Amino acid sequence: MFDDPQGPIEHFSWGTFVIGGEEHSRSTGVGKDIRVIGREVSPWRERQGHKLKESMITGVYDRGIATLIIGIGVHSAIACPEQVKSAVREHGIAEVILQPTPQACASYNELFRAGRKVALLAHGTC
């Protein structure tokens, strides 16, 4: 679905991310739902169901992030209501981008390599 050997996200396929040479999936690494800031990868455990709530946007505030990319699943199954996007902006993150997860990985890499302060919250299936 997505390959970029220059990274930091090197590969994404259904439920599996490879970031910095490490695999993250249901059975390895931090899991199939991830948070990426710079080259730091952590689990995005707060995401539950297919409709985001303000409480599910975690680990990205007070980090100097200018752009938050949300990978809404392979088939765009995750809904992100306007109130959630507004809450992110109210926390000082000026731009919120919603994309299917493969495209979100590509956008993250592009912005990261351009020197932008970007974070990614991504759902690895659906």
PDB file of N, CA and C in Angstrom:
ATOM      1  N   MET A   1       0.810  -1.199   0.000  1.00  0.00           N
ATOM      2  CA  MET A   1       0.000   0.000   0.000  1.00  0.00           C
ATOM      3  C   MET A   1       0.853   1.262   0.000  1.00  0.00           C
ATOM      4  N   PHE A   2       1.956   1.227   0.803  1.00  0.00           N
ATOM      5  CA  PHE A   2       2.829   2.391   0.871  1.00  0.00           C
ATOM      6  C   PHE A   2       4.249   1.927   1.146  1.00  0.00           C
ATOM      7  N   ASP A   3       5.183   2.417   0.348  1.00  0.00           N
ATOM      8  CA  ASP A   3       6.600   2.148   0.560  1.00  0.00           C
ATOM      9  C   ASP A   3       7.382   3.418   0.299  1.00  0.00           C
ATOM     10  N   ASP A   4       8.321   3.713   1.202  1.00  0.00           N
ATOM     11  CA  ASP A   4       9.196   4.875   1.055  1.00  0.00           C
ATOM     12  C   ASP A   4      10.473   4.569   1.832  1.00  0.00           C
ATOM     13  N   PRO A   5      11.484   3.999   1.170  1.00  0.00           N
ATOM     14  CA  PRO A   5      12.696   3.600   1.884  1.00  0.00           C
ATOM     15  C   PRO A   5      13.426   4.759   2.569  1.00  0.00           C
ATOM     16  N   GLN A   6      13.146   6.008   2.175  1.00  0.00           N
ATOM     17  CA  GLN A   6      13.797   7.151   2.812  1.00  0.00           C
ATOM     18  C   GLN A   6      13.170   7.499   4.160  1.00  0.00           C
ATOM     19  N   GLY A   7      11.957   6.998   4.410  1.00  0.00           N
ATOM     20  CA  GLY A   7      11.283   7.147   5.690  1.00  0.00           C
ATOM     21  C   GLY A   7      11.040   8.567   6.150  1.00  0.00           C
ATOM     22  N   PRO A   8      10.742   8.735   7.420  1.00  0.00           N
ATOM     23  CA  PRO A   8      10.892   7.777   8.505  1.00  0.00           C
ATOM     24  C   PRO A   8       9.893   6.613   8.469  1.00  0.00           C
ATOM     25  N   ILE A   9       8.701   6.806   7.873  1.00  0.00           N
ATOM     26  CA  ILE A   9       7.795   5.668   7.716  1.00  0.00           C
ATOM     27  C   ILE A   9       8.211   4.983   6.421  1.00  0.00           C
ATOM     28  N   GLU A  10       8.745   3.780   6.555  1.00  0.00           N
ATOM     29  CA  GLU A  10       9.312   3.079   5.406  1.00  0.00           C
ATOM     30  C   GLU A  10       8.295   2.211   4.672  1.00  0.00           C
ATOM     31  N   HIS A  11       7.304   1.722   5.420  1.00  0.00           N
ATOM     32  CA  HIS A  11       6.336   0.809   4.808  1.00  0.00           C
ATOM     33  C   HIS A  11       5.044   0.823   5.612  1.00  0.00           C
ATOM     34  N   PHE A  12       3.952   0.693   4.897  1.00  0.00           N
ATOM     35  CA  PHE A  12       2.658   0.457   5.531  1.00  0.00           C
ATOM     36  C   PHE A  12       1.883  -0.516   4.671  1.00  0.00           C
ATOM     37  N   SER A  13       1.348  -1.532   5.290  1.00  0.00           N
ATOM     38  CA  SER A  13       0.369  -2.428   4.673  1.00  0.00           C
ATOM     39  C   SER A  13      -0.646  -2.752   5.762  1.00  0.00           C
ATOM     40  N   TRP A  14      -1.723  -3.369   5.406  1.00  0.00           N
ATOM     41  CA  TRP A  14      -2.832  -3.620   6.322  1.00  0.00           C
ATOM     42  C   TRP A  14      -2.335  -4.011   7.716  1.00  0.00           C
ATOM     43  N   GLY A  15      -2.524  -3.125   8.692  1.00  0.00           N
ATOM     44  CA  GLY A  15      -2.211  -3.405  10.085  1.00  0.00           C
ATOM     45  C   GLY A  15      -0.737  -3.415  10.439  1.00  0.00           C
ATOM     46  N   THR A  16       0.147  -3.051   9.516  1.00  0.00           N
ATOM     47  CA  THR A  16       1.582  -3.126   9.769  1.00  0.00           C
ATOM     48  C   THR A  16       2.297  -1.870   9.280  1.00  0.00           C
ATOM     49  N   PHE A  17       3.042  -1.253  10.179  1.00  0.00           N
ATOM     50  CA  PHE A  17       3.891  -0.111   9.860  1.00  0.00           C
ATOM     51  C   PHE A  17       5.340  -0.532  10.079  1.00  0.00           C
ATOM     52  N   VAL A  18       6.249  -0.048   9.234  1.00  0.00           N
ATOM     53  CA  VAL A  18       7.675  -0.183   9.483  1.00  0.00           C
ATOM     54  C   VAL A  18       8.226   1.239   9.563  1.00  0.00           C
ATOM     55  N   ILE A  19       8.768   1.566  10.734  1.00  0.00           N
ATOM     56  CA  ILE A  19       9.265   2.916  10.996  1.00  0.00           C
ATOM     57  C   ILE A  19      10.647   2.774  11.623  1.00  0.00           C
ATOM     58  N   GLY A  20      11.628   3.400  11.004  1.00  0.00           N
ATOM     59  CA  GLY A  20      12.990   3.296  11.513  1.00  0.00           C
ATOM     60  C   GLY A  20      13.480   1.869  11.589  1.00  0.00           C
ATOM     61  N   GLY A  21      13.050   1.034  10.651  1.00  0.00           N
ATOM     62  CA  GLY A  21      13.473  -0.361  10.613  1.00  0.00           C
ATOM     63  C   GLY A  21      12.742  -1.271  11.572  1.00  0.00           C
ATOM     64  N   GLU A  22      11.822  -0.739  12.369  1.00  0.00           N
ATOM     65  CA  GLU A  22      11.075  -1.554  13.333  1.00  0.00           C
ATOM     66  C   GLU A  22       9.638  -1.745  12.887  1.00  0.00           C
ATOM     67  N   GLU A  23       9.166  -2.973  13.003  1.00  0.00           N
ATOM     68  CA  GLU A  23       7.790  -3.290  12.623  1.00  0.00           C
ATOM     69  C   GLU A  23       6.847  -3.052  13.798  1.00  0.00           C
ATOM     70  N   HIS A  24       5.699  -2.465  13.465  1.00  0.00           N
ATOM     71  CA  HIS A  24       4.640  -2.236  14.453  1.00  0.00           C
ATOM     72  C   HIS A  24       3.354  -2.807  13.870  1.00  0.00           C
ATOM     73  N   SER A  25       2.768  -3.765  14.586  1.00  0.00           N
ATOM     74  CA  SER A  25       1.537  -4.423  14.130  1.00  0.00           C
ATOM     75  C   SER A  25       0.786  -4.938  15.354  1.00  0.00           C
ATOM     76  N   ARG A  26      -0.249  -5.676  15.113  1.00  0.00           N
ATOM     77  CA  ARG A  26      -1.035  -6.230  16.218  1.00  0.00           C
ATOM     78  C   ARG A  26      -0.166  -7.068  17.154  1.00  0.00           C
ATOM     79  N   SER A  27       0.854  -7.746  16.611  1.00  0.00           N
ATOM     80  CA  SER A  27       1.648  -8.669  17.428  1.00  0.00           C
ATOM     81  C   SER A  27       3.076  -8.201  17.706  1.00  0.00           C
ATOM     82  N   THR A  28       3.516  -7.072  17.117  1.00  0.00           N
ATOM     83  CA  THR A  28       4.885  -6.606  17.333  1.00  0.00           C
ATOM     84  C   THR A  28       4.900  -5.094  17.548  1.00  0.00           C
ATOM     85  N   GLY A  29       5.991  -4.629  18.131  1.00  0.00           N
ATOM     86  CA  GLY A  29       6.157  -3.190  18.308  1.00  0.00           C
ATOM     87  C   GLY A  29       5.057  -2.580  19.164  1.00  0.00           C
ATOM     88  N   VAL A  30       4.637  -1.360  18.801  1.00  0.00           N
ATOM     89  CA  VAL A  30       3.651  -0.642  19.610  1.00  0.00           C
ATOM     90  C   VAL A  30       2.208  -0.943  19.226  1.00  0.00           C
ATOM     91  N   GLY A  31       1.989  -1.689  18.153  1.00  0.00           N
ATOM     92  CA  GLY A  31       0.634  -2.049  17.766  1.00  0.00           C
ATOM     93  C   GLY A  31       0.259  -1.517  16.399  1.00  0.00           C
ATOM     94  N   LYS A  32      -1.000  -1.723  16.016  1.00  0.00           N
ATOM     95  CA  LYS A  32      -1.485  -1.351  14.684  1.00  0.00           C
ATOM     96  C   LYS A  32      -2.057   0.062  14.617  1.00  0.00           C
ATOM     97  N   ASP A  33      -2.232   0.701  15.751  1.00  0.00           N
ATOM     98  CA  ASP A  33      -2.648   2.109  15.811  1.00  0.00           C
ATOM     99  C   ASP A  33      -1.489   2.862  16.452  1.00  0.00           C
ATOM    100  N   ILE A  34      -0.946   3.854  15.712  1.00  0.00           N
ATOM    101  CA  ILE A  34       0.310   4.452  16.150  1.00  0.00           C
ATOM    102  C   ILE A  34       0.241   5.970  16.257  1.00  0.00           C
ATOM    103  N   ARG A  35       1.180   6.499  17.022  1.00  0.00           N
ATOM    104  CA  ARG A  35       1.425   7.938  17.129  1.00  0.00           C
ATOM    105  C   ARG A  35       2.887   8.129  16.738  1.00  0.00           C
ATOM    106  N   VAL A  36       3.134   9.055  15.806  1.00  0.00           N
ATOM    107  CA  VAL A  36       4.503   9.333  15.386  1.00  0.00           C
ATOM    108  C   VAL A  36       4.744  10.830  15.493  1.00  0.00           C
ATOM    109  N   ILE A  37       5.818  11.184  16.191  1.00  0.00           N
ATOM    110  CA  ILE A  37       6.275  12.569  16.279  1.00  0.00           C
ATOM    111  C   ILE A  37       7.772  12.514  16.043  1.00  0.00           C
ATOM    112  N   GLY A  38       8.228  13.161  14.981  1.00  0.00           N
ATOM    113  CA  GLY A  38       9.632  13.031  14.599  1.00  0.00           C
ATOM    114  C   GLY A  38       9.901  11.594  14.218  1.00  0.00           C
ATOM    115  N   ARG A  39      10.837  10.964  14.892  1.00  0.00           N
ATOM    116  CA  ARG A  39      11.114   9.529  14.682  1.00  0.00           C
ATOM    117  C   ARG A  39      10.631   8.696  15.875  1.00  0.00           C
ATOM    118  N   GLU A  40       9.942   9.361  16.797  1.00  0.00           N
ATOM    119  CA  GLU A  40       9.420   8.704  17.997  1.00  0.00           C
ATOM    120  C   GLU A  40       8.075   8.050  17.680  1.00  0.00           C
ATOM    121  N   VAL A  41       7.961   6.768  17.990  1.00  0.00           N
ATOM    122  CA  VAL A  41       6.740   6.003  17.732  1.00  0.00           C
ATOM    123  C   VAL A  41       6.191   5.510  19.065  1.00  0.00           C
ATOM    124  N   SER A  42       4.898   5.685  19.254  1.00  0.00           N
ATOM    125  CA  SER A  42       4.251   5.196  20.468  1.00  0.00           C
ATOM    126  C   SER A  42       2.865   4.666  20.106  1.00  0.00           C
ATOM    127  N   PRO A  43       2.281   3.871  20.985  1.00  0.00           N
ATOM    128  CA  PRO A  43       0.946   3.333  20.692  1.00  0.00           C
ATOM    129  C   PRO A  43      -0.119   4.411  20.798  1.00  0.00           C
ATOM    130  N   TRP A  44      -1.103   4.315  19.925  1.00  0.00           N
ATOM    131  CA  TRP A  44      -2.275   5.196  20.001  1.00  0.00           C
ATOM    132  C   TRP A  44      -3.430   4.348  20.528  1.00  0.00           C
ATOM    133  N   ARG A  45      -3.396   4.057  21.813  1.00  0.00           N
ATOM    134  CA  ARG A  45      -4.371   3.164  22.447  1.00  0.00           C
ATOM    135  C   ARG A  45      -5.731   3.814  22.677  1.00  0.00           C
ATOM    136  N   GLU A  46      -5.750   5.139  22.699  1.00  0.00           N
ATOM    137  CA  GLU A  46      -6.986   5.850  23.036  1.00  0.00           C
ATOM    138  C   GLU A  46      -8.053   5.741  21.950  1.00  0.00           C
ATOM    139  N   ARG A  47      -7.643   5.433  20.712  1.00  0.00           N
ATOM    140  CA  ARG A  47      -8.617   5.328  19.632  1.00  0.00           C
ATOM    141  C   ARG A  47      -9.475   4.086  19.863  1.00  0.00           C
ATOM    142  N   GLN A  48     -10.778   4.303  19.958  1.00  0.00           N
ATOM    143  CA  GLN A  48     -11.738   3.223  20.139  1.00  0.00           C
ATOM    144  C   GLN A  48     -12.877   3.440  19.162  1.00  0.00           C
ATOM    145  N   GLY A  49     -13.307   2.414  18.480  1.00  0.00           N
ATOM    146  CA  GLY A  49     -14.418   2.535  17.552  1.00  0.00           C
ATOM    147  C   GLY A  49     -14.028   3.334  16.317  1.00  0.00           C
ATOM    148  N   HIS A  50     -15.044   3.771  15.589  1.00  0.00           N
ATOM    149  CA  HIS A  50     -14.805   4.426  14.302  1.00  0.00           C
ATOM    150  C   HIS A  50     -15.238   5.883  14.261  1.00  0.00           C
ATOM    151  N   LYS A  51     -15.424   6.482  15.424  1.00  0.00           N
ATOM    152  CA  LYS A  51     -15.731   7.911  15.494  1.00  0.00           C
ATOM    153  C   LYS A  51     -14.825   8.528  16.553  1.00  0.00           C
ATOM    154  N   LEU A  52     -13.943   9.416  16.116  1.00  0.00           N
ATOM    155  CA  LEU A  52     -13.012  10.032  17.058  1.00  0.00           C
ATOM    156  C   LEU A  52     -13.735  10.980  18.007  1.00  0.00           C
ATOM    157  N   LYS A  53     -13.228  11.003  19.232  1.00  0.00           N
ATOM    158  CA  LYS A  53     -13.683  11.942  20.257  1.00  0.00           C
ATOM    159  C   LYS A  53     -12.484  12.780  20.660  1.00  0.00           C
ATOM    160  N   GLU A  54     -12.734  13.950  21.227  1.00  0.00           N
ATOM    161  CA  GLU A  54     -11.644  14.827  21.659  1.00  0.00           C
ATOM    162  C   GLU A  54     -10.672  14.087  22.573  1.00  0.00           C
ATOM    163  N   SER A  55     -11.186  13.230  23.439  1.00  0.00           N
ATOM    164  CA  SER A  55     -10.340  12.511  24.395  1.00  0.00           C
ATOM    165  C   SER A  55      -9.404  11.501  23.728  1.00  0.00           C
ATOM    166  N   MET A  56      -9.636  11.188  22.475  1.00  0.00           N
ATOM    167  CA  MET A  56      -8.794  10.227  21.758  1.00  0.00           C
ATOM    168  C   MET A  56      -7.571  10.880  21.118  1.00  0.00           C
ATOM    169  N   ILE A  57      -7.552  12.200  21.060  1.00  0.00           N
ATOM    170  CA  ILE A  57      -6.409  12.913  20.480  1.00  0.00           C
ATOM    171  C   ILE A  57      -5.420  13.163  21.610  1.00  0.00           C
ATOM    172  N   THR A  58      -4.393  12.337  21.684  1.00  0.00           N
ATOM    173  CA  THR A  58      -3.478  12.373  22.825  1.00  0.00           C
ATOM    174  C   THR A  58      -2.024  12.364  22.366  1.00  0.00           C
ATOM    175  N   GLY A  59      -1.173  12.861  23.252  1.00  0.00           N
ATOM    176  CA  GLY A  59       0.260  12.783  23.035  1.00  0.00           C
ATOM    177  C   GLY A  59       0.827  13.764  22.025  1.00  0.00           C
ATOM    178  N   VAL A  60      -0.004  14.662  21.499  1.00  0.00           N
ATOM    179  CA  VAL A  60       0.467  15.592  20.468  1.00  0.00           C
ATOM    180  C   VAL A  60       0.438  17.051  20.919  1.00  0.00           C
ATOM    181  N   TYR A  61      -0.200  17.326  22.029  1.00  0.00           N
ATOM    182  CA  TYR A  61      -0.299  18.697  22.503  1.00  0.00           C
ATOM    183  C   TYR A  61       0.968  19.089  23.264  1.00  0.00           C
ATOM    184  N   ASP A  62       1.234  20.397  23.275  1.00  0.00           N
ATOM    185  CA  ASP A  62       2.403  20.939  23.974  1.00  0.00           C
ATOM    186  C   ASP A  62       3.713  20.332  23.484  1.00  0.00           C
ATOM    187  N   ARG A  63       3.753  20.010  22.203  1.00  0.00           N
ATOM    188  CA  ARG A  63       4.968  19.447  21.593  1.00  0.00           C
ATOM    189  C   ARG A  63       5.480  20.324  20.451  1.00  0.00           C
ATOM    190  N   GLY A  64       4.869  21.492  20.258  1.00  0.00           N
ATOM    191  CA  GLY A  64       5.294  22.379  19.183  1.00  0.00           C
ATOM    192  C   GLY A  64       4.862  21.929  17.800  1.00  0.00           C
ATOM    193  N   ILE A  65       3.840  21.106  17.748  1.00  0.00           N
ATOM    194  CA  ILE A  65       3.347  20.559  16.479  1.00  0.00           C
ATOM    195  C   ILE A  65       2.564  21.628  15.725  1.00  0.00           C
ATOM    196  N   ALA A  66       2.857  21.785  14.430  1.00  0.00           N
ATOM    197  CA  ALA A  66       2.126  22.725  13.570  1.00  0.00           C
ATOM    198  C   ALA A  66       1.037  22.019  12.769  1.00  0.00           C
ATOM    199  N   THR A  67       1.287  20.743  12.428  1.00  0.00           N
ATOM    200  CA  THR A  67       0.344  19.985  11.607  1.00  0.00           C
ATOM    201  C   THR A  67       0.118  18.614  12.224  1.00  0.00           C
ATOM    202  N   LEU A  68      -1.140  18.243  12.390  1.00  0.00           N
ATOM    203  CA  LEU A  68      -1.514  16.905  12.832  1.00  0.00           C
ATOM    204  C   LEU A  68      -2.166  16.199  11.658  1.00  0.00           C
ATOM    205  N   ILE A  69      -1.591  15.072  11.274  1.00  0.00           N
ATOM    206  CA  ILE A  69      -2.183  14.233  10.245  1.00  0.00           C
ATOM    207  C   ILE A  69      -2.848  13.061  10.948  1.00  0.00           C
ATOM    208  N   ILE A  70      -4.084  12.785  10.579  1.00  0.00           N
ATOM    209  CA  ILE A  70      -4.798  11.648  11.144  1.00  0.00           C
ATOM    210  C   ILE A  70      -5.067  10.659  10.020  1.00  0.00           C
ATOM    211  N   GLY A  71      -4.472   9.476  10.165  1.00  0.00           N
ATOM    212  CA  GLY A  71      -4.717   8.388   9.218  1.00  0.00           C
ATOM    213  C   GLY A  71      -6.015   7.709   9.614  1.00  0.00           C
ATOM    214  N   ILE A  72      -7.037   7.891   8.790  1.00  0.00           N
ATOM    215  CA  ILE A  72      -8.400   7.459   9.148  1.00  0.00           C
ATOM    216  C   ILE A  72      -8.723   6.043   8.674  1.00  0.00           C
ATOM    217  N   GLY A  73      -7.689   5.231   8.478  1.00  0.00           N
ATOM    218  CA  GLY A  73      -7.874   3.845   8.088  1.00  0.00           C
ATOM    219  C   GLY A  73      -7.680   3.644   6.595  1.00  0.00           C
ATOM    220  N   VAL A  74      -7.423   2.413   6.229  1.00  0.00           N
ATOM    221  CA  VAL A  74      -7.192   2.065   4.819  1.00  0.00           C
ATOM    222  C   VAL A  74      -8.392   2.435   3.972  1.00  0.00           C
ATOM    223  N   HIS A  75      -9.583   2.154   4.478  1.00  0.00           N
ATOM    224  CA  HIS A  75     -10.822   2.435   3.740  1.00  0.00           C
ATOM    225  C   HIS A  75     -11.563   3.654   4.295  1.00  0.00           C
ATOM    226  N   SER A  76     -10.845   4.509   5.004  1.00  0.00           N
ATOM    227  CA  SER A  76     -11.410   5.746   5.561  1.00  0.00           C
ATOM    228  C   SER A  76     -12.603   5.489   6.474  1.00  0.00           C
ATOM    229  N   ALA A  77     -12.494   4.462   7.305  1.00  0.00           N
ATOM    230  CA  ALA A  77     -13.608   4.082   8.172  1.00  0.00           C
ATOM    231  C   ALA A  77     -13.740   4.956   9.423  1.00  0.00           C
ATOM    232  N   ILE A  78     -12.700   5.725   9.754  1.00  0.00           N
ATOM    233  CA  ILE A  78     -12.722   6.540  10.968  1.00  0.00           C
ATOM    234  C   ILE A  78     -13.318   7.911  10.650  1.00  0.00           C
ATOM    235  N   ALA A  79     -14.324   8.300  11.411  1.00  0.00           N
ATOM    236  CA  ALA A  79     -14.929   9.628  11.261  1.00  0.00           C
ATOM    237  C   ALA A  79     -14.274  10.577  12.267  1.00  0.00           C
ATOM    238  N   CYS A  80     -14.063  11.802  11.825  1.00  0.00           N
ATOM    239  CA  CYS A  80     -13.500  12.824  12.712  1.00  0.00           C
ATOM    240  C   CYS A  80     -14.412  14.043  12.659  1.00  0.00           C
ATOM    241  N   PRO A  81     -15.300  14.190  13.637  1.00  0.00           N
ATOM    242  CA  PRO A  81     -16.232  15.324  13.638  1.00  0.00           C
ATOM    243  C   PRO A  81     -15.502  16.668  13.686  1.00  0.00           C
ATOM    244  N   GLU A  82     -16.148  17.679  13.179  1.00  0.00           N
ATOM    245  CA  GLU A  82     -15.578  19.030  13.157  1.00  0.00           C
ATOM    246  C   GLU A  82     -15.197  19.499  14.558  1.00  0.00           C
ATOM    247  N   GLN A  83     -15.973  19.126  15.585  1.00  0.00           N
ATOM    248  CA  GLN A  83     -15.653  19.559  16.949  1.00  0.00           C
ATOM    249  C   GLN A  83     -14.306  19.011  17.406  1.00  0.00           C
ATOM    250  N   VAL A  84     -13.911  17.845  16.925  1.00  0.00           N
ATOM    251  CA  VAL A  84     -12.611  17.281  17.279  1.00  0.00           C
ATOM    252  C   VAL A  84     -11.508  18.088  16.599  1.00  0.00           C
ATOM    253  N   LYS A  85     -11.689  18.395  15.316  1.00  0.00           N
ATOM    254  CA  LYS A  85     -10.699  19.206  14.604  1.00  0.00           C
ATOM    255  C   LYS A  85     -10.580  20.592  15.247  1.00  0.00           C
ATOM    256  N   SER A  86     -11.698  21.169  15.633  1.00  0.00           N
ATOM    257  CA  SER A  86     -11.679  22.480  16.305  1.00  0.00           C
ATOM    258  C   SER A  86     -10.924  22.409  17.623  1.00  0.00           C
ATOM    259  N   ALA A  87     -11.122  21.347  18.378  1.00  0.00           N
ATOM    260  CA  ALA A  87     -10.426  21.186  19.656  1.00  0.00           C
ATOM    261  C   ALA A  87      -8.920  21.092  19.446  1.00  0.00           C
ATOM    262  N   VAL A  88      -8.503  20.396  18.392  1.00  0.00           N
ATOM    263  CA  VAL A  88      -7.070  20.298  18.088  1.00  0.00           C
ATOM    264  C   VAL A  88      -6.511  21.686  17.810  1.00  0.00           C
ATOM    265  N   ARG A  89      -7.221  22.466  17.001  1.00  0.00           N
ATOM    266  CA  ARG A  89      -6.767  23.825  16.692  1.00  0.00           C
ATOM    267  C   ARG A  89      -6.723  24.692  17.955  1.00  0.00           C
ATOM    268  N   GLU A  90      -7.705  24.522  18.836  1.00  0.00           N
ATOM    269  CA  GLU A  90      -7.730  25.285  20.088  1.00  0.00           C
ATOM    270  C   GLU A  90      -6.534  24.955  20.980  1.00  0.00           C
ATOM    271  N   HIS A  91      -5.966  23.770  20.800  1.00  0.00           N
ATOM    272  CA  HIS A  91      -4.772  23.367  21.552  1.00  0.00           C
ATOM    273  C   HIS A  91      -3.491  23.850  20.864  1.00  0.00           C
ATOM    274  N   GLY A  92      -3.612  24.664  19.819  1.00  0.00           N
ATOM    275  CA  GLY A  92      -2.444  25.272  19.212  1.00  0.00           C
ATOM    276  C   GLY A  92      -1.884  24.587  17.983  1.00  0.00           C
ATOM    277  N   ILE A  93      -2.541  23.547  17.505  1.00  0.00           N
ATOM    278  CA  ILE A  93      -2.102  22.884  16.275  1.00  0.00           C
ATOM    279  C   ILE A  93      -2.920  23.484  15.141  1.00  0.00           C
ATOM    280  N   ALA A  94      -2.258  24.251  14.286  1.00  0.00           N
ATOM    281  CA  ALA A  94      -2.948  25.065  13.287  1.00  0.00           C
ATOM    282  C   ALA A  94      -3.622  24.258  12.191  1.00  0.00           C
ATOM    283  N   GLU A  95      -3.046  23.130  11.810  1.00  0.00           N
ATOM    284  CA  GLU A  95      -3.554  22.394  10.650  1.00  0.00           C
ATOM    285  C   GLU A  95      -3.847  20.949  11.018  1.00  0.00           C
ATOM    286  N   VAL A  96      -5.014  20.476  10.625  1.00  0.00           N
ATOM    287  CA  VAL A  96      -5.417  19.081  10.818  1.00  0.00           C
ATOM    288  C   VAL A  96      -5.718  18.508   9.439  1.00  0.00           C
ATOM    289  N   ILE A  97      -5.034  17.427   9.095  1.00  0.00           N
ATOM    290  CA  ILE A  97      -5.222  16.773   7.800  1.00  0.00           C
ATOM    291  C   ILE A  97      -5.766  15.381   8.045  1.00  0.00           C
ATOM    292  N   LEU A  98      -6.884  15.048   7.417  1.00  0.00           N
ATOM    293  CA  LEU A  98      -7.469  13.708   7.493  1.00  0.00           C
ATOM    294  C   LEU A  98      -7.242  13.022   6.155  1.00  0.00           C
ATOM    295  N   GLN A  99      -6.647  11.834   6.190  1.00  0.00           N
ATOM    296  CA  GLN A  99      -6.386  11.099   4.957  1.00  0.00           C
ATOM    297  C   GLN A  99      -6.462   9.600   5.229  1.00  0.00           C
ATOM    298  N   PRO A 100      -6.775   8.805   4.191  1.00  0.00           N
ATOM    299  CA  PRO A 100      -6.620   7.362   4.345  1.00  0.00           C
ATOM    300  C   PRO A 100      -5.181   7.070   4.801  1.00  0.00           C
ATOM    301  N   THR A 101      -4.994   6.067   5.587  1.00  0.00           N
ATOM    302  CA  THR A 101      -3.704   5.831   6.223  1.00  0.00           C
ATOM    303  C   THR A 101      -2.522   5.737   5.253  1.00  0.00           C
ATOM    304  N   PRO A 102      -2.627   5.065   4.103  1.00  0.00           N
ATOM    305  CA  PRO A 102      -1.458   5.059   3.210  1.00  0.00           C
ATOM    306  C   PRO A 102      -1.050   6.471   2.777  1.00  0.00           C
ATOM    307  N   GLN A 103      -2.008   7.312   2.437  1.00  0.00           N
ATOM    308  CA  GLN A 103      -1.711   8.690   2.034  1.00  0.00           C
ATOM    309  C   GLN A 103      -1.209   9.507   3.220  1.00  0.00           C
ATOM    310  N   ALA A 104      -1.742   9.230   4.405  1.00  0.00           N
ATOM    311  CA  ALA A 104      -1.290   9.934   5.608  1.00  0.00           C
ATOM    312  C   ALA A 104       0.184   9.645   5.875  1.00  0.00           C
ATOM    313  N   CYS A 105       0.616   8.416   5.656  1.00  0.00           N
ATOM    314  CA  CYS A 105       2.035   8.069   5.825  1.00  0.00           C
ATOM    315  C   CYS A 105       2.893   8.863   4.850  1.00  0.00           C
ATOM    316  N   ALA A 106       2.453   8.950   3.594  1.00  0.00           N
ATOM    317  CA  ALA A 106       3.199   9.705   2.582  1.00  0.00           C
ATOM    318  C   ALA A 106       3.267  11.187   2.960  1.00  0.00           C
ATOM    319  N   SER A 107       2.161  11.741   3.393  1.00  0.00           N
ATOM    320  CA  SER A 107       2.140  13.160   3.778  1.00  0.00           C
ATOM    321  C   SER A 107       3.043  13.414   4.974  1.00  0.00           C
ATOM    322  N   TYR A 108       3.006  12.510   5.949  1.00  0.00           N
ATOM    323  CA  TYR A 108       3.877  12.652   7.120  1.00  0.00           C
ATOM    324  C   TYR A 108       5.333  12.711   6.684  1.00  0.00           C
ATOM    325  N   ASN A 109       5.751  11.735   5.873  1.00  0.00           N
ATOM    326  CA  ASN A 109       7.144  11.714   5.437  1.00  0.00           C
ATOM    327  C   ASN A 109       7.524  12.997   4.708  1.00  0.00           C
ATOM    328  N   GLU A 110       6.664  13.440   3.823  1.00  0.00           N
ATOM    329  CA  GLU A 110       6.947  14.648   3.042  1.00  0.00           C
ATOM    330  C   GLU A 110       7.138  15.858   3.946  1.00  0.00           C
ATOM    331  N   LEU A 111       6.212  16.057   4.894  1.00  0.00           N
ATOM    332  CA  LEU A 111       6.307  17.210   5.792  1.00  0.00           C
ATOM    333  C   LEU A 111       7.493  17.084   6.750  1.00  0.00           C
ATOM    334  N   PHE A 112       7.733  15.896   7.241  1.00  0.00           N
ATOM    335  CA  PHE A 112       8.866  15.658   8.140  1.00  0.00           C
ATOM    336  C   PHE A 112      10.179  15.999   7.437  1.00  0.00           C
ATOM    337  N   ARG A 113      10.336  15.503   6.219  1.00  0.00           N
ATOM    338  CA  ARG A 113      11.581  15.743   5.480  1.00  0.00           C
ATOM    339  C   ARG A 113      11.728  17.209   5.073  1.00  0.00           C
ATOM    340  N   ALA A 114      10.609  17.941   5.000  1.00  0.00           N
ATOM    341  CA  ALA A 114      10.656  19.374   4.703  1.00  0.00           C
ATOM    342  C   ALA A 114      10.966  20.199   5.954  1.00  0.00           C
ATOM    343  N   GLY A 115      11.124  19.520   7.092  1.00  0.00           N
ATOM    344  CA  GLY A 115      11.471  20.216   8.325  1.00  0.00           C
ATOM    345  C   GLY A 115      10.287  20.748   9.107  1.00  0.00           C
ATOM    346  N   ARG A 116       9.071  20.342   8.733  1.00  0.00           N
ATOM    347  CA  ARG A 116       7.879  20.804   9.439  1.00  0.00           C
ATOM    348  C   ARG A 116       7.708  20.050  10.750  1.00  0.00           C
ATOM    349  N   LYS A 117       7.087  20.708  11.730  1.00  0.00           N
ATOM    350  CA  LYS A 117       6.747  20.068  13.002  1.00  0.00           C
ATOM    351  C   LYS A 117       5.398  19.379  12.805  1.00  0.00           C
ATOM    352  N   VAL A 118       5.462  18.092  12.581  1.00  0.00           N
ATOM    353  CA  VAL A 118       4.282  17.305  12.210  1.00  0.00           C
ATOM    354  C   VAL A 118       4.147  16.097  13.117  1.00  0.00           C
ATOM    355  N   ALA A 119       2.908  15.702  13.350  1.00  0.00           N
ATOM    356  CA  ALA A 119       2.608  14.480  14.109  1.00  0.00           C
ATOM    357  C   ALA A 119       1.606  13.672  13.304  1.00  0.00           C
ATOM    358  N   LEU A 120       1.621  12.371  13.539  1.00  0.00           N
ATOM    359  CA  LEU A 120       0.697  11.444  12.883  1.00  0.00           C
ATOM    360  C   LEU A 120       0.025  10.576  13.926  1.00  0.00           C
ATOM    361  N   LEU A 121      -1.295  10.516  13.851  1.00  0.00           N
ATOM    362  CA  LEU A 121      -2.078   9.521  14.567  1.00  0.00           C
ATOM    363  C   LEU A 121      -2.703   8.656  13.479  1.00  0.00           C
ATOM    364  N   ALA A 122      -2.441   7.353  13.515  1.00  0.00           N
ATOM    365  CA  ALA A 122      -2.898   6.532  12.386  1.00  0.00           C
ATOM    366  C   ALA A 122      -3.503   5.212  12.841  1.00  0.00           C
ATOM    367  N   HIS A 123      -4.625   4.893  12.231  1.00  0.00           N
ATOM    368  CA  HIS A 123      -5.310   3.616  12.400  1.00  0.00           C
ATOM    369  C   HIS A 123      -4.832   2.696  11.278  1.00  0.00           C
ATOM    370  N   GLY A 124      -4.373   1.509  11.639  1.00  0.00           N
ATOM    371  CA  GLY A 124      -3.727   0.633  10.670  1.00  0.00           C
ATOM    372  C   GLY A 124      -4.609  -0.324   9.907  1.00  0.00           C
ATOM    373  N   THR A 125      -5.901  -0.366  10.192  1.00  0.00           N
ATOM    374  CA  THR A 125      -6.795  -1.249   9.437  1.00  0.00           C
ATOM    375  C   THR A 125      -8.007  -0.432   8.970  1.00  0.00           C
ATOM    376  N   CYS A 126      -9.085  -1.078   8.698  1.00  0.00           N
ATOM    377  CA  CYS A 126     -10.367  -0.473   8.289  1.00  0.00           C
ATOM    378  C   CYS A 126     -10.210   0.574   7.212  1.00  0.00           C
TER     379      CYS A 126
END
